[in-house]
Structures are given as structure tokens and as C-alpha cells.
């Protein structure tokens, strides 16, 4: 969602003709040169993409662990337990 918002902001920035753009820093909006805002948005998109990749890798690892644990539990308890897929 954050990546989509940054992409939308980047697209809106392309459409503007102003040299100074309001950019939110913390809770304050500051007038920042358009080029600097473009650079900051690109950096933010890279960071969020890297975070997303890390989270995807972590998710895959956890799903693999869950599959192994399910095998162990079904081997031990047979059909007396029901581990539903989520």
C-alpha cells in the first residue's frame, strides 16, 4: 500500500508545473524543490521495496516451518486433529 501511495505521489509530481512543492516532513509541510522531492520519493520507494522483499522472504520461511510442523503433528496424532489451511 505504501509503495502504491508513493507511486501515486510520484505521478502527481510529474503533472505539476511548480518548482517548489509542499512535502510532508514529520507533521509539517515544507516547500521543497521539485527535484529534491522526486529524489526523496525514489529513495522511499526503494526502502519500502526492500522491506517488502524481506517480509516476503520471512513469510516463505514461516510457511515452510508451518508445513514441517503440520507433518510432525499429523504423524503423531493422525486424523484426531484438524489443522486448517489459512
PDB file of N, CA and C in Angstrom:
ATOM      1  N   UNK A   1       0.831  -1.192   0.000  1.00  0.00           N
ATOM      2  CA  UNK A   1       0.000   0.000   0.000  1.00  0.00           C
ATOM      3  C   UNK A   1       0.876   1.257   0.000  1.00  0.00           C
ATOM      4  N   UNK A   2       1.937   1.204   0.789  1.00  0.00           N
ATOM      5  CA  UNK A   2       2.839   2.346   0.844  1.00  0.00           C
ATOM      6  C   UNK A   2       3.496   2.583  -0.510  1.00  0.00           C
ATOM      7  N   UNK A   3       3.903   1.493  -1.157  1.00  0.00           N
ATOM      8  CA  UNK A   3       4.505   1.629  -2.485  1.00  0.00           C
ATOM      9  C   UNK A   3       3.525   2.248  -3.477  1.00  0.00           C
ATOM     10  N   UNK A   4       2.279   1.845  -3.415  1.00  0.00           N
ATOM     11  CA  UNK A   4       1.261   2.409  -4.306  1.00  0.00           C
ATOM     12  C   UNK A   4       1.070   3.899  -4.037  1.00  0.00           C
ATOM     13  N   UNK A   5       1.049   4.281  -2.754  1.00  0.00           N
ATOM     14  CA  UNK A   5       0.903   5.697  -2.403  1.00  0.00           C
ATOM     15  C   UNK A   5       2.087   6.511  -2.910  1.00  0.00           C
ATOM     16  N   UNK A   6       3.292   5.954  -2.783  1.00  0.00           N
ATOM     17  CA  UNK A   6       4.476   6.655  -3.278  1.00  0.00           C
ATOM     18  C   UNK A   6       4.452   6.773  -4.797  1.00  0.00           C
ATOM     19  N   UNK A   7       3.980   5.736  -5.462  1.00  0.00           N
ATOM     20  CA  UNK A   7       3.873   5.784  -6.921  1.00  0.00           C
ATOM     21  C   UNK A   7       2.859   6.845  -7.346  1.00  0.00           C
ATOM     22  N   UNK A   8       1.736   6.925  -6.624  1.00  0.00           N
ATOM     23  CA  UNK A   8       0.731   7.953  -6.911  1.00  0.00           C
ATOM     24  C   UNK A   8       1.314   9.351  -6.705  1.00  0.00           C
ATOM     25  N   UNK A   9       2.071   9.524  -5.627  1.00  0.00           N
ATOM     26  CA  UNK A   9       2.693  10.822  -5.353  1.00  0.00           C
ATOM     27  C   UNK A   9       3.680  11.183  -6.456  1.00  0.00           C
ATOM     28  N   UNK A  10       4.431  10.193  -6.910  1.00  0.00           N
ATOM     29  CA  UNK A  10       5.388  10.424  -7.987  1.00  0.00           C
ATOM     30  C   UNK A  10       4.674  10.856  -9.264  1.00  0.00           C
ATOM     31  N   UNK A  11       3.571  10.202  -9.575  1.00  0.00           N
ATOM     32  CA  UNK A  11       2.788  10.560 -10.766  1.00  0.00           C
ATOM     33  C   UNK A  11       2.210  11.970 -10.659  1.00  0.00           C
ATOM     34  N   UNK A  12       1.726  12.327  -9.492  1.00  0.00           N
ATOM     35  CA  UNK A  12       1.176  13.674  -9.291  1.00  0.00           C
ATOM     36  C   UNK A  12       2.278  14.720  -9.413  1.00  0.00           C
ATOM     37  N   UNK A  13       3.457  14.371  -8.950  1.00  0.00           N
ATOM     38  CA  UNK A  13       4.583  15.291  -9.023  1.00  0.00           C
ATOM     39  C   UNK A  13       4.975  15.564 -10.474  1.00  0.00           C
ATOM     40  N   UNK A  14       4.853  14.559 -11.315  1.00  0.00           N
ATOM     41  CA  UNK A  14       5.165  14.722 -12.735  1.00  0.00           C
ATOM     42  C   UNK A  14       4.200  15.720 -13.374  1.00  0.00           C
ATOM     43  N   UNK A  15       2.952  15.701 -12.932  1.00  0.00           N
ATOM     44  CA  UNK A  15       1.928  16.552 -13.533  1.00  0.00           C
ATOM     45  C   UNK A  15       2.022  18.020 -13.108  1.00  0.00           C
ATOM     46  N   UNK A  16       2.702  18.285 -12.010  1.00  0.00           N
ATOM     47  CA  UNK A  16       2.750  19.659 -11.507  1.00  0.00           C
ATOM     48  C   UNK A  16       3.775  20.488 -12.275  1.00  0.00           C
ATOM     49  N   UNK A  17       3.485  21.775 -12.393  1.00  0.00           N
ATOM     50  CA  UNK A  17       4.377  22.700 -13.090  1.00  0.00           C
ATOM     51  C   UNK A  17       5.187  23.556 -12.115  1.00  0.00           C
ATOM     52  N   UNK A  18       4.957  23.392 -10.840  1.00  0.00           N
ATOM     53  CA  UNK A  18       5.596  24.242  -9.840  1.00  0.00           C
ATOM     54  C   UNK A  18       7.031  23.788  -9.579  1.00  0.00           C
ATOM     55  N   UNK A  19       7.886  24.764  -9.261  1.00  0.00           N
ATOM     56  CA  UNK A  19       9.274  24.451  -8.914  1.00  0.00           C
ATOM     57  C   UNK A  19       9.411  24.074  -7.449  1.00  0.00           C
ATOM     58  N   UNK A  20       8.576  24.658  -6.607  1.00  0.00           N
ATOM     59  CA  UNK A  20       8.561  24.326  -5.183  1.00  0.00           C
ATOM     60  C   UNK A  20       7.292  23.536  -4.888  1.00  0.00           C
ATOM     61  N   UNK A  21       7.451  22.436  -4.181  1.00  0.00           N
ATOM     62  CA  UNK A  21       6.332  21.551  -3.888  1.00  0.00           C
ATOM     63  C   UNK A  21       6.232  21.397  -2.374  1.00  0.00           C
ATOM     64  N   UNK A  22       5.002  21.340  -1.877  1.00  0.00           N
ATOM     65  CA  UNK A  22       4.826  21.073  -0.436  1.00  0.00           C
ATOM     66  C   UNK A  22       5.116  19.608  -0.189  1.00  0.00           C
ATOM     67  N   UNK A  23       6.006  19.340   0.768  1.00  0.00           N
ATOM     68  CA  UNK A  23       6.416  17.978   1.088  1.00  0.00           C
ATOM     69  C   UNK A  23       6.307  17.795   2.590  1.00  0.00           C
ATOM     70  N   UNK A  24       5.664  16.710   3.014  1.00  0.00           N
ATOM     71  CA  UNK A  24       5.458  16.490   4.439  1.00  0.00           C
ATOM     72  C   UNK A  24       6.701  15.871   5.051  1.00  0.00           C
ATOM     73  N   UNK A  25       7.230  16.557   6.068  1.00  0.00           N
ATOM     74  CA  UNK A  25       8.357  16.057   6.836  1.00  0.00           C
ATOM     75  C   UNK A  25       7.873  15.957   8.272  1.00  0.00           C
ATOM     76  N   UNK A  26       7.637  14.735   8.715  1.00  0.00           N
ATOM     77  CA  UNK A  26       7.048  14.543  10.037  1.00  0.00           C
ATOM     78  C   UNK A  26       5.605  15.009  10.001  1.00  0.00           C
ATOM     79  N   UNK A  27       5.295  16.001  10.827  1.00  0.00           N
ATOM     80  CA  UNK A  27       3.935  16.532  10.863  1.00  0.00           C
ATOM     81  C   UNK A  27       3.833  17.896  10.197  1.00  0.00           C
ATOM     82  N   UNK A  28       4.913  18.331   9.552  1.00  0.00           N
ATOM     83  CA  UNK A  28       4.975  19.667   8.980  1.00  0.00           C
ATOM     84  C   UNK A  28       5.135  19.571   7.467  1.00  0.00           C
ATOM     85  N   UNK A  29       4.479  20.470   6.763  1.00  0.00           N
ATOM     86  CA  UNK A  29       4.664  20.578   5.320  1.00  0.00           C
ATOM     87  C   UNK A  29       5.683  21.687   5.057  1.00  0.00           C
ATOM     88  N   UNK A  30       6.680  21.377   4.233  1.00  0.00           N
ATOM     89  CA  UNK A  30       7.702  22.358   3.887  1.00  0.00           C
ATOM     90  C   UNK A  30       7.732  22.513   2.372  1.00  0.00           C
ATOM     91  N   UNK A  31       8.109  23.677   1.913  1.00  0.00           N
ATOM     92  CA  UNK A  31       8.284  23.912   0.484  1.00  0.00           C
ATOM     93  C   UNK A  31       9.676  23.435   0.106  1.00  0.00           C
ATOM     94  N   UNK A  32       9.713  22.424  -0.763  1.00  0.00           N
ATOM     95  CA  UNK A  32      10.961  21.787  -1.149  1.00  0.00           C
ATOM     96  C   UNK A  32      11.046  21.807  -2.676  1.00  0.00           C
ATOM     97  N   UNK A  33      12.244  21.981  -3.225  1.00  0.00           N
ATOM     98  CA  UNK A  33      12.371  21.944  -4.690  1.00  0.00           C
ATOM     99  C   UNK A  33      11.879  20.615  -5.266  1.00  0.00           C
ATOM    100  N   UNK A  34      11.254  20.700  -6.415  1.00  0.00           N
ATOM    101  CA  UNK A  34      10.627  19.540  -7.057  1.00  0.00           C
ATOM    102  C   UNK A  34      11.620  18.396  -7.258  1.00  0.00           C
ATOM    103  N   UNK A  35      12.835  18.715  -7.677  1.00  0.00           N
ATOM    104  CA  UNK A  35      13.846  17.677  -7.921  1.00  0.00           C
ATOM    105  C   UNK A  35      14.195  16.922  -6.648  1.00  0.00           C
ATOM    106  N   UNK A  36      14.306  17.653  -5.543  1.00  0.00           N
ATOM    107  CA  UNK A  36      14.626  17.010  -4.265  1.00  0.00           C
ATOM    108  C   UNK A  36      13.489  16.090  -3.823  1.00  0.00           C
ATOM    109  N   UNK A  37      12.255  16.518  -4.033  1.00  0.00           N
ATOM    110  CA  UNK A  37      11.102  15.687  -3.684  1.00  0.00           C
ATOM    111  C   UNK A  37      11.107  14.414  -4.526  1.00  0.00           C
ATOM    112  N   UNK A  38      11.409  14.549  -5.819  1.00  0.00           N
ATOM    113  CA  UNK A  38      11.480  13.364  -6.683  1.00  0.00           C
ATOM    114  C   UNK A  38      12.523  12.382  -6.165  1.00  0.00           C
ATOM    115  N   UNK A  39      13.688  12.908  -5.775  1.00  0.00           N
ATOM    116  CA  UNK A  39      14.746  12.043  -5.246  1.00  0.00           C
ATOM    117  C   UNK A  39      14.321  11.363  -3.946  1.00  0.00           C
ATOM    118  N   UNK A  40      13.682  12.121  -3.077  1.00  0.00           N
ATOM    119  CA  UNK A  40      13.235  11.546  -1.797  1.00  0.00           C
ATOM    120  C   UNK A  40      12.184  10.461  -2.016  1.00  0.00           C
ATOM    121  N   UNK A  41      11.267  10.695  -2.934  1.00  0.00           N
ATOM    122  CA  UNK A  41      10.226   9.705  -3.210  1.00  0.00           C
ATOM    123  C   UNK A  41      10.856   8.426  -3.759  1.00  0.00           C
ATOM    124  N   UNK A  42      11.838   8.567  -4.657  1.00  0.00           N
ATOM    125  CA  UNK A  42      12.518   7.390  -5.205  1.00  0.00           C
ATOM    126  C   UNK A  42      13.236   6.615  -4.106  1.00  0.00           C
ATOM    127  N   UNK A  43      13.894   7.322  -3.193  1.00  0.00           N
ATOM    128  CA  UNK A  43      14.577   6.669  -2.074  1.00  0.00           C
ATOM    129  C   UNK A  43      13.569   5.938  -1.185  1.00  0.00           C
ATOM    130  N   UNK A  44      12.446   6.586  -0.918  1.00  0.00           N
ATOM    131  CA  UNK A  44      11.417   5.978  -0.078  1.00  0.00           C
ATOM    132  C   UNK A  44      10.848   4.730  -0.749  1.00  0.00           C
ATOM    133  N   UNK A  45      10.670   4.769  -2.071  1.00  0.00           N
ATOM    134  CA  UNK A  45      10.157   3.606  -2.794  1.00  0.00           C
ATOM    135  C   UNK A  45      11.151   2.450  -2.722  1.00  0.00           C
ATOM    136  N   UNK A  46      12.446   2.750  -2.833  1.00  0.00           N
ATOM    137  CA  UNK A  46      13.467   1.707  -2.731  1.00  0.00           C
ATOM    138  C   UNK A  46      13.457   1.056  -1.351  1.00  0.00           C
ATOM    139  N   UNK A  47      13.358   1.875  -0.312  1.00  0.00           N
ATOM    140  CA  UNK A  47      13.350   1.355   1.052  1.00  0.00           C
ATOM    141  C   UNK A  47      12.128   0.469   1.289  1.00  0.00           C
ATOM    142  N   UNK A  48      10.961   0.931   0.848  1.00  0.00           N
ATOM    143  CA  UNK A  48       9.757   0.130   1.062  1.00  0.00           C
ATOM    144  C   UNK A  48       9.796  -1.157   0.238  1.00  0.00           C
ATOM    145  N   UNK A  49      10.381  -1.109  -0.947  1.00  0.00           N
ATOM    146  CA  UNK A  49      10.511  -2.325  -1.758  1.00  0.00           C
ATOM    147  C   UNK A  49      11.428  -3.331  -1.077  1.00  0.00           C
ATOM    148  N   UNK A  50      12.527  -2.848  -0.517  1.00  0.00           N
ATOM    149  CA  UNK A  50      13.445  -3.731   0.197  1.00  0.00           C
ATOM    150  C   UNK A  50      12.765  -4.345   1.420  1.00  0.00           C
ATOM    151  N   UNK A  51      12.016  -3.532   2.149  1.00  0.00           N
ATOM    152  CA  UNK A  51      11.291  -4.046   3.315  1.00  0.00           C
ATOM    153  C   UNK A  51      10.266  -5.093   2.900  1.00  0.00           C
ATOM    154  N   UNK A  52       9.583  -4.855   1.795  1.00  0.00           N
ATOM    155  CA  UNK A  52       8.585  -5.791   1.295  1.00  0.00           C
ATOM    156  C   UNK A  52       9.246  -7.115   0.921  1.00  0.00           C
ATOM    157  N   UNK A  53      10.399  -7.050   0.273  1.00  0.00           N
ATOM    158  CA  UNK A  53      11.118  -8.269  -0.094  1.00  0.00           C
ATOM    159  C   UNK A  53      11.521  -9.063   1.146  1.00  0.00           C
ATOM    160  N   UNK A  54      12.014  -8.372   2.170  1.00  0.00           N
ATOM    161  CA  UNK A  54      12.399  -9.038   3.423  1.00  0.00           C
ATOM    162  C   UNK A  54      11.187  -9.719   4.058  1.00  0.00           C
ATOM    163  N   UNK A  55      10.055  -9.018   4.062  1.00  0.00           N
ATOM    164  CA  UNK A  55       8.847  -9.588   4.653  1.00  0.00           C
ATOM    165  C   UNK A  55       8.360 -10.800   3.864  1.00  0.00           C
ATOM    166  N   UNK A  56       8.467 -10.757   2.549  1.00  0.00           N
ATOM    167  CA  UNK A  56       8.067 -11.901   1.711  1.00  0.00           C
ATOM    168  C   UNK A  56       8.955 -13.106   2.003  1.00  0.00           C
ATOM    169  N   UNK A  57      10.269 -12.871   2.146  1.00  0.00           N
ATOM    170  CA  UNK A  57      11.188 -13.953   2.468  1.00  0.00           C
ATOM    171  C   UNK A  57      10.857 -14.550   3.838  1.00  0.00           C
ATOM    172  N   UNK A  58      10.571 -13.674   4.798  1.00  0.00           N
ATOM    173  CA  UNK A  58      10.220 -14.124   6.142  1.00  0.00           C
ATOM    174  C   UNK A  58       8.918 -14.930   6.108  1.00  0.00           C
ATOM    175  N   UNK A  59       7.958 -14.492   5.316  1.00  0.00           N
ATOM    176  CA  UNK A  59       6.687 -15.194   5.181  1.00  0.00           C
ATOM    177  C   UNK A  59       6.905 -16.594   4.622  1.00  0.00           C
ATOM    178  N   UNK A  60       7.735 -16.699   3.567  1.00  0.00           N
ATOM    179  CA  UNK A  60       8.009 -18.007   2.967  1.00  0.00           C
ATOM    180  C   UNK A  60       8.674 -18.934   3.978  1.00  0.00           C
ATOM    181  N   UNK A  61       9.588 -18.405   4.764  1.00  0.00           N
ATOM    182  CA  UNK A  61      10.270 -19.202   5.782  1.00  0.00           C
ATOM    183  C   UNK A  61       9.280 -19.703   6.829  1.00  0.00           C
ATOM    184  N   UNK A  62       8.396 -18.837   7.255  1.00  0.00           N
ATOM    185  CA  UNK A  62       7.406 -19.213   8.270  1.00  0.00           C
ATOM    186  C   UNK A  62       6.437 -20.249   7.715  1.00  0.00           C
ATOM    187  N   UNK A  63       6.016 -20.078   6.465  1.00  0.00           N
ATOM    188  CA  UNK A  63       5.110 -21.055   5.861  1.00  0.00           C
ATOM    189  C   UNK A  63       5.780 -22.425   5.733  1.00  0.00           C
ATOM    190  N   UNK A  64       7.069 -22.440   5.431  1.00  0.00           N
ATOM    191  CA  UNK A  64       7.799 -23.705   5.349  1.00  0.00           C
ATOM    192  C   UNK A  64       7.878 -24.363   6.725  1.00  0.00           C
ATOM    193  N   UNK A  65       8.140 -23.572   7.752  1.00  0.00           N
ATOM    194  CA  UNK A  65       8.173 -24.094   9.124  1.00  0.00           C
ATOM    195  C   UNK A  65       6.812 -24.650   9.524  1.00  0.00           C
ATOM    196  N   UNK A  66       5.752 -23.943   9.158  1.00  0.00           N
ATOM    197  CA  UNK A  66       4.404 -24.407   9.482  1.00  0.00           C
ATOM    198  C   UNK A  66       4.110 -25.746   8.802  1.00  0.00           C
ATOM    199  N   UNK A  67       4.531 -25.881   7.561  1.00  0.00           N
ATOM    200  CA  UNK A  67       4.301 -27.129   6.833  1.00  0.00           C
ATOM    201  C   UNK A  67       5.025 -28.283   7.509  1.00  0.00           C
ATOM    202  N   UNK A  68       6.250 -28.051   7.951  1.00  0.00           N
ATOM    203  CA  UNK A  68       7.012 -29.094   8.650  1.00  0.00           C
ATOM    204  C   UNK A  68       6.327 -29.467   9.966  1.00  0.00           C
ATOM    205  N   UNK A  69       5.878 -28.470  10.705  1.00  0.00           N
ATOM    206  CA  UNK A  69       5.203 -28.736  11.976  1.00  0.00           C
ATOM    207  C   UNK A  69       3.893 -29.490  11.764  1.00  0.00           C
ATOM    208  N   UNK A  70       3.179 -29.169  10.698  1.00  0.00           N
ATOM    209  CA  UNK A  70       1.938 -29.885  10.403  1.00  0.00           C
ATOM    210  C   UNK A  70       2.221 -31.350  10.107  1.00  0.00           C
ATOM    211  N   UNK A  71       3.287 -31.617   9.357  1.00  0.00           N
ATOM    212  CA  UNK A  71       3.657 -33.001   9.072  1.00  0.00           C
ATOM    213  C   UNK A  71       3.932 -33.765  10.352  1.00  0.00           C
ATOM    214  N   UNK A  72       4.675 -33.124  11.241  1.00  0.00           N
ATOM    215  CA  UNK A  72       5.013 -33.768  12.518  1.00  0.00           C
ATOM    216  C   UNK A  72       3.750 -34.035  13.322  1.00  0.00           C
ATOM    217  N   UNK A  73       2.882 -33.035  13.418  1.00  0.00           N
ATOM    218  CA  UNK A  73       1.663 -33.185  14.211  1.00  0.00           C
ATOM    219  C   UNK A  73       0.722 -34.227  13.622  1.00  0.00           C
ATOM    220  N   UNK A  74       0.549 -34.230  12.301  1.00  0.00           N
ATOM    221  CA  UNK A  74      -0.303 -35.245  11.681  1.00  0.00           C
ATOM    222  C   UNK A  74       0.312 -36.629  11.834  1.00  0.00           C
ATOM    223  N   UNK A  75       1.643 -36.713  11.798  1.00  0.00           N
ATOM    224  CA  UNK A  75       2.303 -38.003  12.005  1.00  0.00           C
ATOM    225  C   UNK A  75       2.079 -38.520  13.418  1.00  0.00           C
ATOM    226  N   UNK A  76       2.036 -37.621  14.363  1.00  0.00           N
ATOM    227  CA  UNK A  76       1.877 -38.020  15.761  1.00  0.00           C
ATOM    228  C   UNK A  76       0.412 -38.280  16.120  1.00  0.00           C
ATOM    229  N   UNK A  77      -0.492 -37.433  15.654  1.00  0.00           N
ATOM    230  CA  UNK A  77      -1.894 -37.519  16.066  1.00  0.00           C
ATOM    231  C   UNK A  77      -2.824 -38.068  14.985  1.00  0.00           C
ATOM    232  N   UNK A  78      -2.309 -38.346  13.814  1.00  0.00           N
ATOM    233  CA  UNK A  78      -3.087 -38.884  12.680  1.00  0.00           C
ATOM    234  C   UNK A  78      -4.293 -37.997  12.385  1.00  0.00           C
ATOM    235  N   UNK A  79      -5.470 -38.594  12.312  1.00  0.00           N
ATOM    236  CA  UNK A  79      -6.677 -37.862  11.955  1.00  0.00           C
ATOM    237  C   UNK A  79      -7.423 -37.281  13.159  1.00  0.00           C
ATOM    238  N   UNK A  80      -6.825 -37.386  14.353  1.00  0.00           N
ATOM    239  CA  UNK A  80      -7.525 -36.896  15.532  1.00  0.00           C
ATOM    240  C   UNK A  80      -7.401 -35.363  15.674  1.00  0.00           C
ATOM    241  N   UNK A  81      -6.609 -34.734  14.820  1.00  0.00           N
ATOM    242  CA  UNK A  81      -6.524 -33.262  14.821  1.00  0.00           C
ATOM    243  C   UNK A  81      -6.872 -32.746  13.429  1.00  0.00           C
ATOM    244  N   UNK A  82      -7.281 -31.506  13.378  1.00  0.00           N
ATOM    245  CA  UNK A  82      -7.614 -30.871  12.111  1.00  0.00           C
ATOM    246  C   UNK A  82      -6.898 -29.527  12.056  1.00  0.00           C
ATOM    247  N   UNK A  83      -5.861 -29.432  11.238  1.00  0.00           N
ATOM    248  CA  UNK A  83      -5.130 -28.184  11.062  1.00  0.00           C
ATOM    249  C   UNK A  83      -5.567 -27.575   9.739  1.00  0.00           C
ATOM    250  N   UNK A  84      -6.432 -26.566   9.842  1.00  0.00           N
ATOM    251  CA  UNK A  84      -6.995 -25.966   8.645  1.00  0.00           C
ATOM    252  C   UNK A  84      -5.979 -25.077   7.949  1.00  0.00           C
ATOM    253  N   UNK A  85      -6.090 -24.987   6.629  1.00  0.00           N
ATOM    254  CA  UNK A  85      -5.250 -24.099   5.834  1.00  0.00           C
ATOM    255  C   UNK A  85      -5.789 -22.697   5.945  1.00  0.00           C
ATOM    256  N   UNK A  86      -4.875 -21.729   6.098  1.00  0.00           N
ATOM    257  CA  UNK A  86      -5.287 -20.314   6.155  1.00  0.00           C
ATOM    258  C   UNK A  86      -4.831 -19.595   4.941  1.00  0.00           C
TER     259      UNK A  86
END
